């Protein structure tokens, strides 16, 4: 997929963009490009450091991410960062899905699994959790590690997870004896932890 980068780097306008990148100048505004060429420019600009791309709408952000990820060989390099507007439910507030999608995007960015966030201006105007708080709220569990179940339960509740008898959706967890079921907000399926040691 390096073809997309190489072909864009041959264009005359790329030299000015590259100069801005090397000097650490931002923001960079790109105008007069079609959607797919904007995606190609952003994909070419990505050098391992996170990029934030502001689009005119939620639909444009999603399309841009789809195009970038296709150029990247169908890996999740770019991710939309949604605004509350898409997930509004009723007069009492928004659905939790909006919060989950934003937390998923920020978590993946923090872990280095996503390099480009695309957001509408509405999404940029809404507050986000600071990176240090998100990092401190993240729990990593590895096979073979020692786990204090009481601390884990407390940590999950403090991070906004709700305990239930059966895990049916994101940000829920259930405990049955030596089995923990947790549905992380950045996952499409829940995970099961079986504690068979002492």
N, C-alpha and C. Protein backbone atom coordinates (compact mmCIF):
# COMPACT_ATOMS: atom_id res chain seq x y z
N UNK A 1 0.80 -1.20 0.00
CA UNK A 1 0.00 0.00 0.00
C UNK A 1 0.84 1.27 0.00
N UNK A 2 2.14 1.13 -0.02
CA UNK A 2 3.02 2.30 -0.08
C UNK A 2 2.86 3.06 -1.40
N UNK A 3 2.22 2.44 -2.37
CA UNK A 3 1.95 3.11 -3.65
C UNK A 3 1.26 4.44 -3.43
N UNK A 4 0.27 4.46 -2.51
CA UNK A 4 -0.50 5.68 -2.28
C UNK A 4 0.40 6.80 -1.76
N UNK A 5 1.32 6.45 -0.86
CA UNK A 5 2.23 7.47 -0.33
C UNK A 5 3.22 7.93 -1.40
N UNK A 6 3.81 6.97 -2.10
CA UNK A 6 4.83 7.33 -3.11
C UNK A 6 4.24 8.22 -4.20
N UNK A 7 3.04 7.89 -4.68
CA UNK A 7 2.44 8.68 -5.76
C UNK A 7 2.12 10.09 -5.29
N UNK A 8 1.70 10.24 -4.03
CA UNK A 8 1.37 11.57 -3.52
C UNK A 8 2.64 12.39 -3.31
N UNK A 9 3.72 11.74 -2.89
CA UNK A 9 4.97 12.45 -2.63
C UNK A 9 5.61 13.01 -3.90
N UNK A 10 5.16 12.53 -5.05
CA UNK A 10 5.69 13.03 -6.31
C UNK A 10 5.03 14.34 -6.75
N UNK A 11 3.93 14.72 -6.10
CA UNK A 11 3.22 15.95 -6.46
C UNK A 11 3.96 17.18 -5.94
N UNK A 12 3.88 18.26 -6.70
CA UNK A 12 4.58 19.49 -6.34
C UNK A 12 4.10 20.05 -5.00
N UNK A 13 2.80 20.01 -4.75
CA UNK A 13 2.25 20.56 -3.51
C UNK A 13 2.70 19.82 -2.26
N UNK A 14 3.15 18.58 -2.41
CA UNK A 14 3.57 17.80 -1.25
C UNK A 14 4.78 18.41 -0.57
N UNK A 15 5.68 19.02 -1.34
CA UNK A 15 6.92 19.56 -0.78
C UNK A 15 6.63 20.63 0.28
N UNK A 16 5.61 21.48 0.03
CA UNK A 16 5.25 22.50 1.02
C UNK A 16 4.67 21.86 2.28
N UNK A 17 3.84 20.86 2.07
CA UNK A 17 3.24 20.15 3.21
C UNK A 17 4.32 19.46 4.03
N UNK A 18 5.25 18.81 3.35
CA UNK A 18 6.33 18.11 4.03
C UNK A 18 7.19 19.09 4.84
N UNK A 19 7.43 20.27 4.28
CA UNK A 19 8.22 21.29 4.98
C UNK A 19 7.51 21.68 6.28
N UNK A 20 6.20 21.87 6.23
CA UNK A 20 5.43 22.20 7.44
C UNK A 20 5.53 21.08 8.47
N UNK A 21 5.43 19.84 8.01
CA UNK A 21 5.52 18.69 8.91
C UNK A 21 6.88 18.63 9.59
N UNK A 22 7.94 18.83 8.82
CA UNK A 22 9.29 18.75 9.36
C UNK A 22 9.58 19.87 10.36
N UNK A 23 8.93 21.02 10.16
CA UNK A 23 9.12 22.14 11.07
C UNK A 23 8.15 22.09 12.25
N UNK A 24 7.27 21.10 12.26
CA UNK A 24 6.30 20.96 13.35
C UNK A 24 5.20 22.00 13.32
N UNK A 25 4.94 22.57 12.16
CA UNK A 25 3.90 23.57 12.04
C UNK A 25 2.52 22.91 11.93
N UNK A 26 1.57 23.45 12.67
CA UNK A 26 0.21 22.96 12.57
C UNK A 26 -0.72 24.06 13.06
N UNK A 27 -1.95 24.08 12.68
CA UNK A 27 -2.60 23.09 11.82
C UNK A 27 -2.24 23.31 10.36
N UNK A 28 -2.47 22.26 9.60
CA UNK A 28 -2.28 22.32 8.16
C UNK A 28 -3.66 22.23 7.53
N UNK A 29 -3.97 23.18 6.67
CA UNK A 29 -5.28 23.20 6.02
C UNK A 29 -5.13 22.75 4.57
N UNK A 30 -5.93 21.78 4.18
CA UNK A 30 -5.92 21.29 2.79
C UNK A 30 -7.25 21.62 2.15
N UNK A 31 -7.20 22.36 1.06
CA UNK A 31 -8.43 22.74 0.36
C UNK A 31 -8.29 22.40 -1.11
N UNK A 32 -9.42 22.20 -1.77
CA UNK A 32 -9.42 21.94 -3.20
C UNK A 32 -9.13 20.49 -3.56
N UNK A 33 -9.17 19.61 -2.59
CA UNK A 33 -8.94 18.19 -2.85
C UNK A 33 -10.25 17.44 -2.77
N UNK A 34 -10.39 16.42 -3.60
CA UNK A 34 -11.56 15.54 -3.48
C UNK A 34 -11.41 14.71 -2.21
N UNK A 35 -12.47 14.04 -1.80
CA UNK A 35 -12.45 13.25 -0.58
C UNK A 35 -11.35 12.21 -0.55
N UNK A 36 -11.21 11.46 -1.64
CA UNK A 36 -10.21 10.40 -1.66
C UNK A 36 -8.80 10.97 -1.67
N UNK A 37 -8.63 12.16 -2.27
CA UNK A 37 -7.30 12.78 -2.27
C UNK A 37 -6.96 13.37 -0.90
N UNK A 38 -7.97 13.81 -0.16
CA UNK A 38 -7.73 14.24 1.22
C UNK A 38 -7.25 13.03 2.04
N UNK A 39 -7.90 11.89 1.82
CA UNK A 39 -7.50 10.67 2.53
C UNK A 39 -6.07 10.29 2.16
N UNK A 40 -5.74 10.43 0.90
CA UNK A 40 -4.40 10.08 0.44
C UNK A 40 -3.36 11.02 1.06
N UNK A 41 -3.68 12.31 1.14
CA UNK A 41 -2.77 13.28 1.77
C UNK A 41 -2.56 12.93 3.23
N UNK A 42 -3.63 12.66 3.95
CA UNK A 42 -3.52 12.36 5.38
C UNK A 42 -2.76 11.06 5.60
N UNK A 43 -3.05 10.07 4.78
CA UNK A 43 -2.31 8.80 4.87
C UNK A 43 -0.82 9.02 4.62
N UNK A 44 -0.49 9.89 3.68
CA UNK A 44 0.91 10.19 3.38
C UNK A 44 1.55 10.97 4.52
N UNK A 45 0.79 11.85 5.16
CA UNK A 45 1.31 12.65 6.27
C UNK A 45 1.60 11.81 7.51
N UNK A 46 0.89 10.71 7.67
CA UNK A 46 1.04 9.92 8.89
C UNK A 46 2.43 9.28 8.93
N UNK A 47 3.18 9.61 9.98
CA UNK A 47 4.53 9.08 10.12
C UNK A 47 4.74 8.36 11.45
N UNK A 48 3.65 7.94 12.05
CA UNK A 48 3.73 7.25 13.34
C UNK A 48 3.25 8.11 14.49
N UNK A 49 3.27 9.43 14.30
CA UNK A 49 2.77 10.34 15.34
C UNK A 49 1.27 10.56 15.12
N UNK A 50 0.49 10.63 16.20
CA UNK A 50 -0.96 10.79 16.05
C UNK A 50 -1.34 12.05 15.28
N UNK A 51 -2.37 11.92 14.47
CA UNK A 51 -2.91 13.05 13.71
C UNK A 51 -4.38 13.25 14.07
N UNK A 52 -4.76 14.49 14.18
CA UNK A 52 -6.17 14.84 14.37
C UNK A 52 -6.62 15.56 13.11
N UNK A 53 -7.69 15.07 12.51
CA UNK A 53 -8.22 15.66 11.29
C UNK A 53 -9.63 16.17 11.59
N UNK A 54 -9.87 17.43 11.30
CA UNK A 54 -11.19 18.02 11.52
C UNK A 54 -11.91 18.09 10.19
N UNK A 55 -13.11 17.53 10.15
CA UNK A 55 -13.91 17.48 8.94
C UNK A 55 -15.16 18.35 9.11
N UNK A 56 -15.90 18.50 8.02
CA UNK A 56 -17.10 19.35 8.09
C UNK A 56 -18.32 18.62 8.63
N UNK A 57 -18.27 17.29 8.71
CA UNK A 57 -19.44 16.55 9.20
C UNK A 57 -19.03 15.17 9.72
N UNK A 58 -19.94 14.55 10.44
CA UNK A 58 -19.71 13.18 10.94
C UNK A 58 -19.57 12.20 9.77
N UNK A 59 -20.40 12.38 8.76
CA UNK A 59 -20.36 11.49 7.59
C UNK A 59 -19.02 11.61 6.88
N UNK A 60 -18.50 12.84 6.77
CA UNK A 60 -17.20 13.04 6.12
C UNK A 60 -16.08 12.39 6.92
N UNK A 61 -16.17 12.46 8.25
CA UNK A 61 -15.15 11.84 9.10
C UNK A 61 -15.15 10.32 8.91
N UNK A 62 -16.33 9.72 8.88
CA UNK A 62 -16.41 8.27 8.71
C UNK A 62 -15.90 7.85 7.33
N UNK A 63 -16.29 8.58 6.29
CA UNK A 63 -15.83 8.26 4.92
C UNK A 63 -14.32 8.41 4.81
N UNK A 64 -13.79 9.45 5.41
CA UNK A 64 -12.35 9.68 5.40
C UNK A 64 -11.61 8.51 6.05
N UNK A 65 -12.11 8.06 7.19
CA UNK A 65 -11.48 6.93 7.89
C UNK A 65 -11.56 5.66 7.05
N UNK A 66 -12.70 5.43 6.42
CA UNK A 66 -12.84 4.24 5.56
C UNK A 66 -11.81 4.27 4.43
N UNK A 67 -11.64 5.44 3.80
CA UNK A 67 -10.68 5.57 2.70
C UNK A 67 -9.25 5.36 3.18
N UNK A 68 -8.90 5.98 4.31
CA UNK A 68 -7.54 5.84 4.85
C UNK A 68 -7.26 4.39 5.21
N UNK A 69 -8.21 3.75 5.87
CA UNK A 69 -8.01 2.35 6.29
C UNK A 69 -7.88 1.42 5.08
N UNK A 70 -8.59 1.72 4.00
CA UNK A 70 -8.45 0.94 2.77
C UNK A 70 -7.04 1.11 2.20
N UNK A 71 -6.56 2.34 2.19
CA UNK A 71 -5.20 2.59 1.70
C UNK A 71 -4.14 1.93 2.58
N UNK A 72 -4.47 1.77 3.86
CA UNK A 72 -3.53 1.17 4.81
C UNK A 72 -3.63 -0.35 4.83
N UNK A 73 -4.30 -0.92 3.86
CA UNK A 73 -4.41 -2.38 3.79
C UNK A 73 -5.47 -2.93 4.72
N UNK A 74 -6.55 -2.17 4.91
CA UNK A 74 -7.69 -2.57 5.75
C UNK A 74 -7.32 -2.77 7.21
N UNK A 75 -6.30 -2.06 7.68
CA UNK A 75 -6.05 -2.07 9.12
C UNK A 75 -6.66 -0.80 9.70
N UNK A 76 -6.96 -0.82 10.98
CA UNK A 76 -7.64 0.31 11.62
C UNK A 76 -6.65 1.41 11.99
N UNK A 77 -6.14 2.10 11.01
CA UNK A 77 -5.22 3.20 11.24
C UNK A 77 -5.96 4.47 11.65
N UNK A 78 -7.12 4.68 11.02
CA UNK A 78 -7.92 5.88 11.29
C UNK A 78 -9.24 5.50 11.92
N UNK A 79 -9.72 6.38 12.80
CA UNK A 79 -10.97 6.10 13.49
C UNK A 79 -11.77 7.39 13.64
N UNK A 80 -13.09 7.32 13.39
CA UNK A 80 -13.91 8.52 13.61
C UNK A 80 -14.07 8.80 15.10
N UNK A 81 -14.11 10.07 15.43
CA UNK A 81 -14.33 10.51 16.81
C UNK A 81 -15.68 11.21 16.82
N UNK A 82 -16.72 10.52 17.28
CA UNK A 82 -18.09 11.02 17.08
C UNK A 82 -18.47 12.17 17.99
N UNK A 83 -19.50 12.88 17.57
CA UNK A 83 -20.08 13.92 18.42
C UNK A 83 -21.36 13.37 19.05
N UNK A 84 -21.83 14.06 20.03
CA UNK A 84 -23.04 13.66 20.73
C UNK A 84 -24.25 13.67 19.80
N UNK A 85 -24.24 14.52 18.81
CA UNK A 85 -25.39 14.72 17.92
C UNK A 85 -25.90 13.42 17.30
N UNK A 86 -25.01 12.54 16.88
CA UNK A 86 -25.43 11.29 16.23
C UNK A 86 -26.13 10.33 17.17
N UNK A 87 -25.85 10.44 18.45
CA UNK A 87 -26.35 9.44 19.40
C UNK A 87 -27.40 9.99 20.35
N UNK A 88 -27.94 11.15 20.05
CA UNK A 88 -28.95 11.75 20.93
C UNK A 88 -30.18 10.85 20.97
N UNK A 89 -30.66 10.60 22.18
CA UNK A 89 -31.81 9.70 22.32
C UNK A 89 -33.10 10.42 22.71
N UNK A 90 -33.05 11.19 23.78
CA UNK A 90 -34.28 11.84 24.23
C UNK A 90 -33.93 13.06 25.08
N UNK A 91 -34.93 13.65 25.68
CA UNK A 91 -34.73 14.87 26.47
C UNK A 91 -33.86 14.62 27.70
N UNK A 92 -33.73 13.38 28.12
CA UNK A 92 -32.95 13.08 29.32
C UNK A 92 -31.45 12.96 29.03
N UNK A 93 -31.05 12.94 27.78
CA UNK A 93 -29.61 12.86 27.52
C UNK A 93 -29.28 12.08 26.27
N UNK A 94 -28.08 11.53 26.29
CA UNK A 94 -27.57 10.80 25.13
C UNK A 94 -27.40 9.34 25.49
N UNK A 95 -27.32 8.54 24.48
CA UNK A 95 -27.08 7.12 24.74
C UNK A 95 -25.65 6.93 25.18
N UNK A 96 -25.39 5.85 25.89
CA UNK A 96 -24.03 5.55 26.34
C UNK A 96 -23.13 5.19 25.16
N UNK A 97 -23.72 4.83 24.03
CA UNK A 97 -22.93 4.43 22.87
C UNK A 97 -22.01 5.57 22.42
N UNK A 98 -22.48 6.78 22.50
CA UNK A 98 -21.67 7.94 22.15
C UNK A 98 -20.41 7.99 23.01
N UNK A 99 -20.59 7.84 24.32
CA UNK A 99 -19.45 7.86 25.23
C UNK A 99 -18.51 6.69 24.95
N UNK A 100 -19.08 5.52 24.67
CA UNK A 100 -18.26 4.33 24.42
C UNK A 100 -17.40 4.50 23.18
N UNK A 101 -17.99 5.05 22.12
CA UNK A 101 -17.24 5.25 20.87
C UNK A 101 -16.10 6.23 21.08
N UNK A 102 -16.34 7.27 21.84
CA UNK A 102 -15.28 8.25 22.10
C UNK A 102 -14.18 7.64 22.97
N UNK A 103 -14.57 6.91 24.00
CA UNK A 103 -13.58 6.25 24.86
C UNK A 103 -12.78 5.21 24.09
N UNK A 104 -13.45 4.49 23.20
CA UNK A 104 -12.76 3.50 22.38
C UNK A 104 -11.69 4.18 21.52
N UNK A 105 -12.06 5.27 20.87
CA UNK A 105 -11.12 5.97 20.01
C UNK A 105 -9.94 6.50 20.82
N UNK A 106 -10.21 7.12 21.95
CA UNK A 106 -9.13 7.67 22.77
C UNK A 106 -8.25 6.57 23.35
N UNK A 107 -8.85 5.45 23.75
CA UNK A 107 -8.07 4.33 24.29
C UNK A 107 -7.15 3.75 23.23
N UNK A 108 -7.67 3.55 22.03
CA UNK A 108 -6.85 3.00 20.95
C UNK A 108 -5.73 3.97 20.56
N UNK A 109 -6.01 5.26 20.61
CA UNK A 109 -4.98 6.26 20.33
C UNK A 109 -3.90 6.21 21.40
N UNK A 110 -4.31 6.11 22.66
CA UNK A 110 -3.38 6.05 23.78
C UNK A 110 -2.50 4.80 23.72
N UNK A 111 -3.09 3.69 23.26
CA UNK A 111 -2.35 2.42 23.17
C UNK A 111 -1.50 2.33 21.90
N UNK A 112 -1.62 3.31 21.02
CA UNK A 112 -0.86 3.28 19.77
C UNK A 112 -1.45 2.36 18.72
N UNK A 113 -2.71 1.95 18.90
CA UNK A 113 -3.37 1.06 17.94
C UNK A 113 -4.14 1.83 16.88
N UNK A 114 -4.25 3.11 17.06
CA UNK A 114 -4.92 3.99 16.10
C UNK A 114 -4.04 5.23 15.99
N UNK A 115 -3.81 5.70 14.78
CA UNK A 115 -2.92 6.83 14.61
C UNK A 115 -3.59 8.11 14.16
N UNK A 116 -4.81 7.98 13.63
CA UNK A 116 -5.50 9.15 13.06
C UNK A 116 -6.92 9.19 13.60
N UNK A 117 -7.29 10.31 14.19
CA UNK A 117 -8.68 10.53 14.60
C UNK A 117 -9.28 11.57 13.67
N UNK A 118 -10.46 11.28 13.15
CA UNK A 118 -11.18 12.21 12.30
C UNK A 118 -12.45 12.64 13.03
N UNK A 119 -12.62 13.95 13.19
CA UNK A 119 -13.75 14.45 13.97
C UNK A 119 -14.36 15.67 13.30
N UNK A 120 -15.67 15.79 13.47
CA UNK A 120 -16.35 17.00 13.00
C UNK A 120 -16.06 18.12 14.00
N UNK A 121 -16.37 19.35 13.60
CA UNK A 121 -16.17 20.47 14.52
C UNK A 121 -17.03 20.32 15.76
N UNK A 122 -18.25 19.77 15.60
CA UNK A 122 -19.12 19.55 16.76
C UNK A 122 -18.44 18.62 17.76
N UNK A 123 -17.81 17.56 17.27
CA UNK A 123 -17.13 16.60 18.15
C UNK A 123 -15.96 17.26 18.86
N UNK A 124 -15.28 18.18 18.18
CA UNK A 124 -14.13 18.85 18.78
C UNK A 124 -14.53 19.82 19.88
N UNK A 125 -15.76 20.32 19.83
CA UNK A 125 -16.20 21.29 20.82
C UNK A 125 -16.72 20.64 22.11
N UNK A 126 -16.84 19.32 22.11
CA UNK A 126 -17.33 18.62 23.28
C UNK A 126 -16.15 18.18 24.14
N UNK A 127 -16.29 18.26 25.45
CA UNK A 127 -15.16 17.91 26.33
C UNK A 127 -14.78 16.43 26.23
N UNK A 128 -13.50 16.16 26.50
CA UNK A 128 -13.00 14.78 26.50
C UNK A 128 -12.26 14.52 27.81
N UNK A 129 -12.12 13.25 28.12
CA UNK A 129 -11.40 12.86 29.31
C UNK A 129 -9.90 13.12 29.09
N UNK A 130 -9.22 13.72 30.05
CA UNK A 130 -7.78 13.97 29.88
C UNK A 130 -7.02 12.64 29.76
N UNK A 131 -5.93 12.63 28.97
CA UNK A 131 -5.18 11.38 28.74
C UNK A 131 -4.68 10.72 30.02
N UNK A 132 -4.23 11.51 31.01
CA UNK A 132 -3.71 10.91 32.23
C UNK A 132 -4.80 10.20 33.03
N UNK A 133 -6.00 10.77 33.05
CA UNK A 133 -7.11 10.12 33.76
C UNK A 133 -7.53 8.85 33.03
N UNK A 134 -7.58 8.91 31.70
CA UNK A 134 -7.92 7.71 30.92
C UNK A 134 -6.89 6.62 31.15
N UNK A 135 -5.63 6.99 31.13
CA UNK A 135 -4.56 6.00 31.34
C UNK A 135 -4.64 5.38 32.73
N UNK A 136 -4.91 6.21 33.75
CA UNK A 136 -5.02 5.69 35.12
C UNK A 136 -6.27 4.86 35.33
N UNK A 137 -7.27 5.03 34.46
CA UNK A 137 -8.50 4.25 34.57
C UNK A 137 -8.43 2.95 33.78
N UNK A 138 -7.35 2.76 33.05
CA UNK A 138 -7.20 1.58 32.22
C UNK A 138 -6.65 0.43 33.05
N UNK A 139 -7.27 -0.73 32.89
CA UNK A 139 -6.82 -1.93 33.60
C UNK A 139 -6.34 -2.94 32.57
N UNK A 140 -5.11 -3.39 32.75
CA UNK A 140 -4.57 -4.43 31.88
C UNK A 140 -4.47 -5.72 32.66
N UNK A 141 -5.01 -6.78 32.08
CA UNK A 141 -4.99 -8.10 32.72
C UNK A 141 -4.35 -9.07 31.75
N UNK A 142 -3.33 -9.77 32.21
CA UNK A 142 -2.62 -10.71 31.35
C UNK A 142 -2.73 -12.12 31.91
N UNK A 143 -2.71 -13.09 31.03
CA UNK A 143 -2.75 -14.49 31.44
C UNK A 143 -1.58 -14.78 32.36
N UNK A 144 -1.86 -15.43 33.46
CA UNK A 144 -0.81 -15.80 34.41
C UNK A 144 -0.50 -14.75 35.45
N UNK A 145 -1.12 -13.57 35.35
CA UNK A 145 -0.84 -12.52 36.34
C UNK A 145 -1.68 -12.72 37.59
N UNK A 146 -1.25 -12.11 38.68
CA UNK A 146 -1.98 -12.17 39.94
C UNK A 146 -3.03 -11.07 39.93
N UNK A 147 -4.23 -11.41 40.36
CA UNK A 147 -5.35 -10.48 40.27
C UNK A 147 -6.08 -10.41 41.61
N UNK A 148 -6.19 -9.22 42.15
CA UNK A 148 -6.96 -9.00 43.37
C UNK A 148 -8.39 -8.69 42.94
N UNK A 149 -9.30 -9.64 43.16
CA UNK A 149 -10.66 -9.51 42.63
C UNK A 149 -11.43 -8.35 43.27
N UNK A 150 -11.22 -8.10 44.55
CA UNK A 150 -11.92 -6.99 45.20
C UNK A 150 -11.47 -5.66 44.63
N UNK A 151 -10.16 -5.52 44.41
CA UNK A 151 -9.64 -4.28 43.81
C UNK A 151 -10.15 -4.11 42.39
N UNK A 152 -10.22 -5.22 41.64
CA UNK A 152 -10.71 -5.14 40.26
C UNK A 152 -12.16 -4.70 40.24
N UNK A 153 -13.00 -5.27 41.09
CA UNK A 153 -14.41 -4.86 41.15
C UNK A 153 -14.54 -3.38 41.47
N UNK A 154 -13.77 -2.92 42.46
CA UNK A 154 -13.81 -1.52 42.86
C UNK A 154 -13.35 -0.62 41.72
N UNK A 155 -12.28 -1.02 41.06
CA UNK A 155 -11.72 -0.22 39.95
C UNK A 155 -12.72 -0.12 38.79
N UNK A 156 -13.41 -1.22 38.49
CA UNK A 156 -14.39 -1.21 37.41
C UNK A 156 -15.54 -0.26 37.72
N UNK A 157 -16.03 -0.31 38.94
CA UNK A 157 -17.14 0.56 39.35
C UNK A 157 -16.69 2.02 39.30
N UNK A 158 -15.47 2.30 39.79
CA UNK A 158 -14.95 3.67 39.77
C UNK A 158 -14.76 4.19 38.34
N UNK A 159 -14.55 3.26 37.40
CA UNK A 159 -14.36 3.65 36.00
C UNK A 159 -15.67 3.75 35.23
N UNK A 160 -16.81 3.56 35.92
CA UNK A 160 -18.10 3.74 35.27
C UNK A 160 -18.77 2.45 34.82
N UNK A 161 -18.18 1.30 35.13
CA UNK A 161 -18.80 0.03 34.77
C UNK A 161 -19.89 -0.30 35.79
N UNK A 162 -20.92 -0.99 35.34
CA UNK A 162 -21.97 -1.41 36.25
C UNK A 162 -21.96 -2.92 36.39
N UNK A 163 -22.16 -3.38 37.60
CA UNK A 163 -22.18 -4.81 37.87
C UNK A 163 -23.58 -5.34 37.60
N UNK A 164 -23.65 -6.47 36.92
CA UNK A 164 -24.94 -7.08 36.62
C UNK A 164 -24.82 -8.60 36.76
N UNK A 165 -25.97 -9.26 36.71
CA UNK A 165 -25.96 -10.72 36.80
C UNK A 165 -25.42 -11.35 35.52
N UNK A 166 -25.70 -10.68 34.39
CA UNK A 166 -25.28 -11.18 33.09
C UNK A 166 -24.81 -10.00 32.24
N UNK A 167 -23.66 -10.16 31.61
CA UNK A 167 -23.12 -9.08 30.78
C UNK A 167 -23.84 -9.06 29.44
N UNK A 168 -24.49 -7.91 29.14
CA UNK A 168 -25.25 -7.81 27.90
C UNK A 168 -24.81 -6.65 27.02
N UNK A 169 -23.98 -5.78 27.54
CA UNK A 169 -23.55 -4.63 26.75
C UNK A 169 -22.28 -4.01 27.30
N UNK A 170 -21.70 -3.08 26.54
CA UNK A 170 -20.47 -2.43 26.97
C UNK A 170 -20.61 -1.76 28.34
N UNK A 171 -19.51 -1.70 29.05
CA UNK A 171 -19.35 -1.11 30.39
C UNK A 171 -20.14 -1.85 31.47
N UNK A 172 -20.28 -3.15 31.28
CA UNK A 172 -20.88 -4.00 32.30
C UNK A 172 -19.89 -5.09 32.69
N UNK A 173 -20.04 -5.59 33.92
CA UNK A 173 -19.27 -6.75 34.33
C UNK A 173 -20.11 -7.62 35.26
N UNK A 174 -19.79 -8.90 35.29
CA UNK A 174 -20.48 -9.86 36.14
C UNK A 174 -19.43 -10.77 36.79
N UNK A 175 -19.72 -11.18 38.02
CA UNK A 175 -18.81 -12.07 38.75
C UNK A 175 -19.62 -13.26 39.24
N UNK A 176 -19.13 -14.45 38.89
CA UNK A 176 -19.75 -15.68 39.36
C UNK A 176 -18.63 -16.60 39.83
N UNK A 177 -18.42 -16.61 41.14
CA UNK A 177 -17.35 -17.44 41.68
C UNK A 177 -16.00 -16.97 41.16
N UNK A 178 -15.30 -17.89 40.47
CA UNK A 178 -13.96 -17.59 39.96
C UNK A 178 -14.00 -17.09 38.51
N UNK A 179 -15.18 -16.67 38.04
CA UNK A 179 -15.31 -16.21 36.65
C UNK A 179 -15.74 -14.75 36.64
N UNK A 180 -14.97 -13.93 35.90
CA UNK A 180 -15.28 -12.52 35.66
C UNK A 180 -15.65 -12.38 34.19
N UNK A 181 -16.79 -11.80 33.90
CA UNK A 181 -17.15 -11.42 32.54
C UNK A 181 -17.13 -9.90 32.51
N UNK A 182 -16.36 -9.34 31.58
CA UNK A 182 -16.23 -7.89 31.44
C UNK A 182 -16.45 -7.53 29.99
N UNK A 183 -17.25 -6.49 29.76
CA UNK A 183 -17.49 -6.01 28.39
C UNK A 183 -16.82 -4.64 28.26
N UNK A 184 -15.56 -4.62 27.78
CA UNK A 184 -14.87 -3.34 27.61
C UNK A 184 -15.57 -2.47 26.56
N UNK A 185 -15.54 -1.16 26.77
CA UNK A 185 -16.22 -0.25 25.84
C UNK A 185 -15.55 -0.25 24.47
N UNK A 186 -14.27 -0.61 24.40
CA UNK A 186 -13.58 -0.59 23.11
C UNK A 186 -13.59 -1.94 22.42
N UNK A 187 -14.45 -2.85 22.88
CA UNK A 187 -14.51 -4.19 22.32
C UNK A 187 -15.90 -4.47 21.77
N UNK A 188 -15.96 -5.30 20.73
CA UNK A 188 -17.27 -5.66 20.18
C UNK A 188 -17.87 -6.87 20.91
N UNK A 189 -17.05 -7.55 21.69
CA UNK A 189 -17.51 -8.71 22.47
C UNK A 189 -16.97 -8.64 23.89
N UNK A 190 -17.67 -9.24 24.84
CA UNK A 190 -17.15 -9.28 26.21
C UNK A 190 -15.99 -10.26 26.32
N UNK A 191 -15.25 -10.15 27.39
CA UNK A 191 -14.15 -11.09 27.66
C UNK A 191 -14.45 -11.84 28.95
N UNK A 192 -13.92 -13.04 29.03
CA UNK A 192 -14.10 -13.85 30.23
C UNK A 192 -12.73 -14.11 30.86
N UNK A 193 -12.68 -13.92 32.16
CA UNK A 193 -11.47 -14.21 32.92
C UNK A 193 -11.81 -15.33 33.89
N UNK A 194 -11.06 -16.40 33.79
CA UNK A 194 -11.27 -17.56 34.68
C UNK A 194 -10.10 -17.62 35.64
N UNK A 195 -10.40 -17.54 36.93
CA UNK A 195 -9.37 -17.54 37.95
C UNK A 195 -9.33 -18.92 38.61
N UNK A 196 -8.43 -19.78 38.11
CA UNK A 196 -8.36 -21.13 38.63
C UNK A 196 -7.22 -21.33 39.62
N UNK A 197 -6.34 -20.31 39.75
CA UNK A 197 -5.24 -20.44 40.70
C UNK A 197 -5.69 -20.05 42.08
N UNK A 198 -4.73 -19.92 42.99
CA UNK A 198 -5.09 -19.52 44.35
C UNK A 198 -4.71 -18.07 44.61
